[in-house]
Amino acid sequence: MLTKMQVEDIMRRATVCRLGLLKGDTPYVVPLCFGYRDDTLYFHSSPKSQKLDLIRHHPRVGFEMDILAAPLPAPAACNWSMRYQSVIGSGLASIIEGMKEKRRALDMIMAHYARGAYEFPDPKVAITAVFKVDIDSMTGKQSKIDADD
């Protein structure tokens, strides 16, 4: 089991978060750009998206992200392995409504991918859906990682 600091390091280096939702009784998983701060994940979407409809009906979600994924071949098939670092978790999703709160979330998403300050024009913010996941549990796992990683 990894420490919270190790888990958050993996999250900082991940570029995609896979969000697991329920579509009736069927799992629905979607890869998304994300931001993270203080045990909360942030996402953006079209306001008319299936994921928002699913969140409205069932806000409990799961998520996964990973880095350094690569197969580790071996002479015997049963000795193959996988190199990876991953995080999984669950939480409660909610849609962010206010312009100020949406901008704050969009700032966190942008900060995950780039440095600097960005402006979000009112018309663009108004037509962008933003939602968050308040994380209630998360764990990290990794295979044996080389010392230079």
Protein backbone atom coordinates (compact mmCIF):
# COMPACT_ATOMS: atom_id res chain seq x y z
CA MET A 1 0.00 0.00 0.00
CA LEU A 2 1.32 3.42 -0.93
CA THR A 3 1.27 6.50 1.29
CA LYS A 4 -1.04 9.40 0.45
CA MET A 5 1.99 11.40 -0.67
CA GLN A 6 2.99 8.62 -3.09
CA VAL A 7 -0.60 8.34 -4.35
CA GLU A 8 -0.79 12.09 -4.97
CA ASP A 9 2.55 11.96 -6.81
CA ILE A 10 1.10 9.39 -9.21
CA MET A 11 -1.99 11.59 -9.65
CA ARG A 12 0.20 14.62 -10.43
CA ARG A 13 1.99 12.68 -13.17
CA ALA A 14 -1.09 11.00 -14.67
CA THR A 15 -2.55 12.61 -17.78
CA VAL A 16 -5.90 10.80 -17.90
CA CYS A 17 -8.43 9.93 -15.23
CA ARG A 18 -10.90 7.18 -16.10
CA LEU A 19 -14.20 7.91 -14.42
CA GLY A 20 -16.53 4.99 -13.75
CA LEU A 21 -20.25 5.74 -13.69
CA LEU A 22 -23.41 3.63 -13.66
CA LYS A 23 -25.63 3.52 -16.72
CA GLY A 24 -28.58 1.61 -15.32
CA ASP A 25 -26.97 -1.58 -14.11
CA THR A 26 -24.07 -1.36 -16.58
CA PRO A 27 -20.69 0.23 -15.84
CA TYR A 28 -19.77 3.19 -18.05
CA VAL A 29 -16.12 4.32 -18.02
CA VAL A 30 -14.92 7.50 -19.69
CA PRO A 31 -11.36 8.89 -19.94
CA LEU A 32 -11.11 12.56 -18.95
CA CYS A 33 -8.68 15.42 -18.41
CA PHE A 34 -8.71 16.37 -14.75
CA GLY A 35 -7.43 18.54 -11.96
CA TYR A 36 -6.86 17.53 -8.34
CA ARG A 37 -6.62 19.41 -5.08
CA ASP A 38 -7.49 18.68 -1.45
CA ASP A 39 -9.08 15.25 -2.00
CA THR A 40 -11.22 16.53 -4.87
CA LEU A 41 -11.05 15.77 -8.59
CA TYR A 42 -12.27 18.37 -11.11
CA PHE A 43 -13.54 17.78 -14.65
CA HIS A 44 -15.20 19.71 -17.48
CA SER A 45 -17.71 18.60 -20.06
CA SER A 46 -20.28 19.62 -22.58
CA PRO A 47 -23.44 20.58 -20.68
CA LYS A 48 -25.37 17.99 -22.71
CA SER A 49 -23.29 14.92 -22.00
CA GLN A 50 -24.15 11.40 -21.03
CA LYS A 51 -21.77 11.55 -18.06
CA LEU A 52 -23.65 14.50 -16.53
CA ASP A 53 -26.97 12.71 -16.98
CA LEU A 54 -25.50 9.64 -15.27
CA ILE A 55 -24.08 11.73 -12.40
CA ARG A 56 -27.49 13.33 -11.85
CA HIS A 57 -29.06 9.87 -11.52
CA HIS A 58 -26.29 8.16 -9.58
CA PRO A 59 -23.59 10.46 -8.16
CA ARG A 60 -21.48 7.65 -6.60
CA VAL A 61 -18.49 7.15 -8.92
CA GLY A 62 -15.20 5.33 -9.16
CA PHE A 63 -11.98 6.48 -10.79
CA GLU A 64 -8.64 5.13 -11.98
CA MET A 65 -5.43 6.63 -13.29
CA ASP A 66 -2.07 5.09 -14.04
CA ILE A 67 1.44 5.85 -15.24
CA LEU A 68 4.55 3.96 -16.33
CA ALA A 69 2.49 1.09 -17.73
CA ALA A 70 4.64 -1.30 -19.75
CA PRO A 71 4.84 -5.08 -20.10
CA LEU A 72 7.89 -6.85 -18.66
CA PRO A 73 8.61 -9.80 -20.96
CA ALA A 74 10.14 -13.04 -19.72
CA PRO A 75 11.20 -16.25 -21.47
CA ALA A 76 8.23 -18.18 -20.02
CA ALA A 77 4.71 -16.87 -20.63
CA CYS A 78 3.68 -17.29 -16.99
CA ASN A 79 6.64 -15.17 -15.86
CA TRP A 80 5.64 -12.06 -17.78
CA SER A 81 4.72 -9.12 -15.59
CA MET A 82 3.63 -5.51 -15.85
CA ARG A 83 5.36 -2.34 -14.76
CA TYR A 84 2.89 0.25 -13.45
CA GLN A 85 1.85 2.77 -10.85
CA SER A 86 -1.88 3.26 -10.39
CA VAL A 87 -4.50 4.92 -8.24
CA ILE A 88 -8.09 3.83 -7.78
CA GLY A 89 -10.79 5.38 -5.67
CA SER A 90 -14.39 6.37 -5.24
CA GLY A 91 -16.36 9.42 -4.28
CA LEU A 92 -19.44 11.54 -4.71
CA ALA A 93 -19.78 13.60 -7.90
CA SER A 94 -21.59 16.91 -8.07
CA ILE A 95 -22.08 19.55 -10.73
CA ILE A 96 -20.54 22.96 -10.07
CA GLU A 97 -22.93 25.80 -10.89
CA GLY A 98 -21.48 29.23 -10.02
CA MET A 99 -19.19 31.09 -12.42
CA LYS A 100 -16.58 31.76 -9.73
CA GLU A 101 -16.53 28.10 -8.65
CA LYS A 102 -16.39 26.93 -12.27
CA ARG A 103 -13.40 29.19 -12.96
CA ARG A 104 -11.62 27.89 -9.85
CA ALA A 105 -12.16 24.30 -11.04
CA LEU A 106 -11.03 25.13 -14.57
CA ASP A 107 -7.89 26.73 -13.10
CA MET A 108 -7.13 23.46 -11.30
CA ILE A 109 -7.63 21.45 -14.47
CA MET A 110 -5.31 23.77 -16.43
CA ALA A 111 -2.74 23.73 -13.63
CA HIS A 112 -2.53 19.96 -13.95
CA TYR A 113 -1.30 20.27 -17.54
CA ALA A 114 0.45 23.66 -17.80
CA ARG A 115 2.01 26.44 -15.81
CA GLY A 116 0.79 30.00 -15.90
CA ALA A 117 -2.42 31.90 -15.49
CA TYR A 118 -5.29 31.45 -17.91
CA GLU A 119 -8.38 33.53 -18.53
CA PHE A 120 -11.76 31.98 -19.09
CA PRO A 121 -14.17 34.35 -20.90
CA ASP A 122 -17.67 34.51 -19.40
CA PRO A 123 -19.42 33.15 -22.52
CA LYS A 124 -17.14 30.07 -22.57
CA VAL A 125 -17.52 29.42 -18.85
CA ALA A 126 -21.28 29.79 -19.13
CA ILE A 127 -21.54 27.03 -21.76
CA THR A 128 -19.06 24.68 -20.08
CA ALA A 129 -20.25 22.14 -17.56
CA VAL A 130 -17.88 21.60 -14.66
CA PHE A 131 -18.15 18.90 -12.03
CA LYS A 132 -16.17 17.55 -9.14
CA VAL A 133 -15.71 14.33 -7.26
CA ASP A 134 -15.24 14.58 -3.51
CA ILE A 135 -13.02 11.56 -2.88
CA ASP A 136 -13.99 9.35 0.04
CA SER A 137 -11.43 6.61 -0.59
CA MET A 138 -8.38 6.09 -2.76
CA THR A 139 -5.45 3.73 -2.81
CA GLY A 140 -2.33 3.40 -4.86
CA LYS A 141 -0.40 0.41 -6.05
CA GLN A 142 2.77 -0.13 -8.00
CA SER A 143 4.87 -2.91 -9.38
CA LYS A 144 8.56 -2.94 -8.66
CA ILE A 145 9.73 0.33 -10.21
CA ASP A 146 13.32 0.97 -11.25
CA ALA A 147 15.30 3.23 -8.92
CA ASP A 148 15.77 5.87 -11.65
CA ASP A 149 12.02 6.43 -12.15
